[in-house]
Amino acid sequence: MNPVSAFVLYAFIWFLTLLVVLPLRLKTQGEAGAVVAGTPESAPANLNIGRKFLMATIFGSIVWVVVAGIIVSGWITIEDVDVFHRWMMGV
């Protein structure tokens, strides 16, 4: 796997992990009882975005190491996931 592919894979996994981590331990303004004027009750009261980025980085890195290890080892190849056999045809 070349470095650009590794970076793109990491970025994809990191953003996917961030989308999973963002709603964890979320407390809305409505639940906190302190709704700021002009915002909906469903707006976060305290987002803790730095902590969420750190969690996404840690969990995303773990997932990336596993996925990259599988790709580099050759355990799963493009031929294994090519159900229409297009890879061998050159299409």
N, C-alpha and C. Protein backbone atom coordinates (compact mmCIF):
# COMPACT_ATOMS: atom_id res chain seq x y z
N MET A 1 0.86 -1.16 0.00
CA MET A 1 0.00 0.00 0.00
C MET A 1 0.90 1.23 0.00
N ASN A 2 0.68 2.11 -0.95
CA ASN A 2 1.52 3.31 -0.99
C ASN A 2 1.04 4.33 0.06
N PRO A 3 1.88 5.31 0.40
CA PRO A 3 1.54 6.25 1.48
C PRO A 3 0.26 7.06 1.23
N VAL A 4 -0.01 7.40 -0.01
CA VAL A 4 -1.23 8.17 -0.31
C VAL A 4 -2.47 7.31 -0.04
N SER A 5 -2.44 6.06 -0.45
CA SER A 5 -3.56 5.16 -0.18
C SER A 5 -3.74 4.95 1.31
N ALA A 6 -2.64 4.83 2.03
CA ALA A 6 -2.71 4.65 3.48
C ALA A 6 -3.33 5.88 4.15
N PHE A 7 -2.95 7.07 3.68
CA PHE A 7 -3.51 8.30 4.25
C PHE A 7 -5.00 8.45 3.94
N VAL A 8 -5.39 8.14 2.71
CA VAL A 8 -6.81 8.23 2.33
C VAL A 8 -7.63 7.24 3.14
N LEU A 9 -7.13 6.03 3.32
CA LEU A 9 -7.81 5.04 4.12
C LEU A 9 -7.95 5.51 5.56
N TYR A 10 -6.87 6.09 6.11
CA TYR A 10 -6.92 6.59 7.48
C TYR A 10 -7.93 7.74 7.61
N ALA A 11 -7.92 8.67 6.66
CA ALA A 11 -8.86 9.80 6.71
C ALA A 11 -10.30 9.31 6.64
N PHE A 12 -10.57 8.35 5.78
CA PHE A 12 -11.92 7.80 5.67
C PHE A 12 -12.35 7.14 6.98
N ILE A 13 -11.49 6.32 7.53
CA ILE A 13 -11.82 5.63 8.78
C ILE A 13 -11.95 6.63 9.92
N TRP A 14 -11.10 7.67 9.95
CA TRP A 14 -11.17 8.66 11.03
C TRP A 14 -12.50 9.42 10.99
N PHE A 15 -12.91 9.87 9.81
CA PHE A 15 -14.18 10.59 9.71
C PHE A 15 -15.36 9.68 10.02
N LEU A 16 -15.31 8.44 9.60
CA LEU A 16 -16.37 7.50 9.92
C LEU A 16 -16.44 7.27 11.44
N THR A 17 -15.28 7.14 12.07
CA THR A 17 -15.24 6.98 13.52
C THR A 17 -15.74 8.23 14.22
N LEU A 18 -15.41 9.41 13.69
CA LEU A 18 -15.90 10.65 14.28
C LEU A 18 -17.42 10.71 14.25
N LEU A 19 -18.02 10.28 13.14
CA LEU A 19 -19.48 10.28 13.05
C LEU A 19 -20.11 9.32 14.06
N VAL A 20 -19.40 8.27 14.41
CA VAL A 20 -19.90 7.34 15.42
C VAL A 20 -19.73 7.92 16.82
N VAL A 21 -18.62 8.63 17.06
CA VAL A 21 -18.29 9.13 18.38
C VAL A 21 -19.07 10.40 18.75
N LEU A 22 -19.42 11.22 17.77
CA LEU A 22 -20.06 12.51 18.06
C LEU A 22 -21.31 12.41 18.95
N PRO A 23 -22.23 11.49 18.72
CA PRO A 23 -23.42 11.47 19.57
C PRO A 23 -23.22 10.83 20.95
N LEU A 24 -22.07 10.25 21.22
CA LEU A 24 -21.85 9.61 22.52
C LEU A 24 -21.80 10.64 23.64
N ARG A 25 -22.49 10.36 24.73
CA ARG A 25 -22.54 11.23 25.92
C ARG A 25 -22.95 12.66 25.58
N LEU A 26 -23.83 12.80 24.62
CA LEU A 26 -24.30 14.12 24.22
C LEU A 26 -25.45 14.53 25.12
N LYS A 27 -25.35 15.72 25.68
CA LYS A 27 -26.42 16.27 26.50
C LYS A 27 -26.93 17.52 25.79
N THR A 28 -28.22 17.50 25.46
CA THR A 28 -28.79 18.62 24.73
C THR A 28 -29.14 19.76 25.67
N GLN A 29 -29.36 20.93 25.08
CA GLN A 29 -29.75 22.09 25.88
C GLN A 29 -31.10 21.87 26.55
N GLY A 30 -31.99 21.14 25.88
CA GLY A 30 -33.29 20.83 26.46
C GLY A 30 -33.16 19.95 27.69
N GLU A 31 -32.26 18.97 27.64
CA GLU A 31 -32.03 18.09 28.80
C GLU A 31 -31.37 18.84 29.94
N ALA A 32 -30.49 19.78 29.60
CA ALA A 32 -29.79 20.55 30.63
C ALA A 32 -30.68 21.63 31.23
N GLY A 33 -31.75 21.99 30.53
CA GLY A 33 -32.67 23.00 31.03
C GLY A 33 -32.18 24.43 30.81
N ALA A 34 -31.23 24.61 29.92
CA ALA A 34 -30.69 25.94 29.65
C ALA A 34 -30.62 26.14 28.14
N VAL A 35 -31.77 26.48 27.56
CA VAL A 35 -31.83 26.68 26.12
C VAL A 35 -31.44 28.12 25.80
N VAL A 36 -30.42 28.29 24.97
CA VAL A 36 -29.97 29.61 24.54
C VAL A 36 -30.97 30.14 23.52
N ALA A 37 -31.33 31.40 23.64
CA ALA A 37 -32.29 32.00 22.72
C ALA A 37 -31.79 31.91 21.28
N GLY A 38 -32.67 31.49 20.39
CA GLY A 38 -32.31 31.39 18.98
C GLY A 38 -31.75 30.03 18.57
N THR A 39 -31.64 29.10 19.51
CA THR A 39 -31.15 27.75 19.20
C THR A 39 -32.23 26.73 19.53
N PRO A 40 -32.22 25.59 18.85
CA PRO A 40 -33.21 24.56 19.17
C PRO A 40 -32.85 23.84 20.47
N GLU A 41 -33.84 23.20 21.06
CA GLU A 41 -33.59 22.44 22.30
C GLU A 41 -32.65 21.26 22.06
N SER A 42 -32.55 20.81 20.81
CA SER A 42 -31.71 19.65 20.51
C SER A 42 -30.25 20.02 20.30
N ALA A 43 -29.91 21.31 20.40
CA ALA A 43 -28.51 21.73 20.25
C ALA A 43 -27.71 21.23 21.45
N PRO A 44 -26.46 20.85 21.24
CA PRO A 44 -25.66 20.34 22.37
C PRO A 44 -25.39 21.42 23.40
N ALA A 45 -25.47 21.03 24.68
CA ALA A 45 -25.18 21.96 25.76
C ALA A 45 -23.67 22.11 25.94
N ASN A 46 -22.94 21.01 25.88
CA ASN A 46 -21.49 21.03 26.01
C ASN A 46 -20.95 19.92 25.10
N LEU A 47 -20.41 20.32 23.96
CA LEU A 47 -20.03 19.34 22.94
C LEU A 47 -18.74 18.59 23.26
N ASN A 48 -17.78 19.23 23.91
CA ASN A 48 -16.47 18.61 24.20
C ASN A 48 -15.83 18.09 22.92
N ILE A 49 -15.69 18.96 21.92
CA ILE A 49 -15.22 18.54 20.60
C ILE A 49 -13.78 18.03 20.63
N GLY A 50 -12.95 18.60 21.49
CA GLY A 50 -11.57 18.13 21.59
C GLY A 50 -11.50 16.69 22.06
N ARG A 51 -12.31 16.36 23.04
CA ARG A 51 -12.35 14.99 23.56
C ARG A 51 -12.89 14.03 22.50
N LYS A 52 -13.88 14.48 21.74
CA LYS A 52 -14.44 13.64 20.68
C LYS A 52 -13.41 13.40 19.58
N PHE A 53 -12.63 14.44 19.22
CA PHE A 53 -11.57 14.27 18.23
C PHE A 53 -10.52 13.28 18.73
N LEU A 54 -10.17 13.36 20.01
CA LEU A 54 -9.19 12.45 20.58
C LEU A 54 -9.71 11.01 20.55
N MET A 55 -10.97 10.82 20.91
CA MET A 55 -11.55 9.48 20.88
C MET A 55 -11.60 8.94 19.45
N ALA A 56 -11.96 9.80 18.50
CA ALA A 56 -12.00 9.38 17.10
C ALA A 56 -10.61 9.01 16.60
N THR A 57 -9.60 9.76 17.05
CA THR A 57 -8.22 9.47 16.65
C THR A 57 -7.75 8.13 17.22
N ILE A 58 -8.04 7.88 18.48
CA ILE A 58 -7.60 6.63 19.11
C ILE A 58 -8.30 5.43 18.49
N PHE A 59 -9.64 5.48 18.44
CA PHE A 59 -10.40 4.34 17.90
C PHE A 59 -10.17 4.18 16.40
N GLY A 60 -10.07 5.30 15.68
CA GLY A 60 -9.82 5.24 14.25
C GLY A 60 -8.46 4.65 13.93
N SER A 61 -7.46 4.99 14.75
CA SER A 61 -6.12 4.43 14.54
C SER A 61 -6.10 2.93 14.76
N ILE A 62 -6.83 2.47 15.75
CA ILE A 62 -6.89 1.03 16.01
C ILE A 62 -7.55 0.31 14.84
N VAL A 63 -8.67 0.85 14.36
CA VAL A 63 -9.36 0.24 13.23
C VAL A 63 -8.48 0.29 11.98
N TRP A 64 -7.78 1.42 11.77
CA TRP A 64 -6.91 1.55 10.60
C TRP A 64 -5.78 0.52 10.63
N VAL A 65 -5.17 0.30 11.79
CA VAL A 65 -4.09 -0.68 11.88
C VAL A 65 -4.61 -2.07 11.51
N VAL A 66 -5.80 -2.41 11.96
CA VAL A 66 -6.37 -3.72 11.63
C VAL A 66 -6.65 -3.82 10.13
N VAL A 67 -7.31 -2.81 9.57
CA VAL A 67 -7.67 -2.85 8.14
C VAL A 67 -6.42 -2.81 7.27
N ALA A 68 -5.48 -1.93 7.59
CA ALA A 68 -4.24 -1.85 6.80
C ALA A 68 -3.44 -3.14 6.92
N GLY A 69 -3.45 -3.76 8.08
CA GLY A 69 -2.76 -5.03 8.24
C GLY A 69 -3.36 -6.12 7.38
N ILE A 70 -4.68 -6.14 7.29
CA ILE A 70 -5.35 -7.12 6.44
C ILE A 70 -5.01 -6.89 4.98
N ILE A 71 -5.00 -5.62 4.56
CA ILE A 71 -4.70 -5.30 3.16
C ILE A 71 -3.25 -5.63 2.82
N VAL A 72 -2.32 -5.23 3.67
CA VAL A 72 -0.90 -5.44 3.39
C VAL A 72 -0.53 -6.92 3.43
N SER A 73 -1.17 -7.67 4.34
CA SER A 73 -0.84 -9.10 4.44
C SER A 73 -1.34 -9.89 3.25
N GLY A 74 -2.32 -9.36 2.52
CA GLY A 74 -2.86 -10.08 1.38
C GLY A 74 -3.91 -11.09 1.77
N TRP A 75 -4.38 -11.03 3.01
CA TRP A 75 -5.40 -11.96 3.48
C TRP A 75 -6.68 -11.80 2.67
N ILE A 76 -7.04 -10.53 2.37
CA ILE A 76 -8.18 -10.23 1.50
C ILE A 76 -7.64 -9.39 0.35
N THR A 77 -7.89 -9.81 -0.87
CA THR A 77 -7.41 -9.08 -2.05
C THR A 77 -8.60 -8.56 -2.85
N ILE A 78 -8.31 -7.80 -3.90
CA ILE A 78 -9.36 -7.25 -4.75
C ILE A 78 -10.12 -8.37 -5.46
N GLU A 79 -9.45 -9.47 -5.75
CA GLU A 79 -10.11 -10.60 -6.40
C GLU A 79 -11.15 -11.24 -5.47
N ASP A 80 -10.94 -11.15 -4.18
CA ASP A 80 -11.88 -11.73 -3.22
C ASP A 80 -13.19 -10.94 -3.14
N VAL A 81 -13.13 -9.65 -3.37
CA VAL A 81 -14.33 -8.82 -3.25
C VAL A 81 -14.93 -8.43 -4.60
N ASP A 82 -14.31 -8.83 -5.69
CA ASP A 82 -14.79 -8.51 -7.03
C ASP A 82 -15.82 -9.56 -7.45
N VAL A 83 -17.09 -9.31 -7.11
CA VAL A 83 -18.13 -10.29 -7.39
C VAL A 83 -18.52 -10.34 -8.86
N PHE A 84 -18.26 -9.29 -9.62
CA PHE A 84 -18.61 -9.27 -11.03
C PHE A 84 -17.44 -9.64 -11.93
N HIS A 85 -16.31 -9.97 -11.36
CA HIS A 85 -15.11 -10.39 -12.08
C HIS A 85 -14.64 -9.33 -13.08
N ARG A 86 -14.75 -8.08 -12.74
CA ARG A 86 -14.31 -7.00 -13.61
C ARG A 86 -12.82 -6.76 -13.50
N TRP A 87 -12.22 -7.07 -12.38
CA TRP A 87 -10.80 -6.84 -12.18
C TRP A 87 -9.97 -7.65 -13.17
N MET A 88 -10.34 -8.87 -13.37
CA MET A 88 -9.59 -9.75 -14.26
C MET A 88 -9.81 -9.38 -15.73
N MET A 89 -10.93 -8.74 -16.04
CA MET A 89 -11.23 -8.38 -17.41
C MET A 89 -10.56 -7.07 -17.82
N GLY A 90 -10.04 -6.31 -16.86
CA GLY A 90 -9.39 -5.06 -17.18
C GLY A 90 -10.36 -3.90 -17.40
N VAL A 91 -11.59 -4.05 -16.95
CA VAL A 91 -12.59 -3.00 -17.14
C VAL A 91 -12.57 -2.05 -15.97
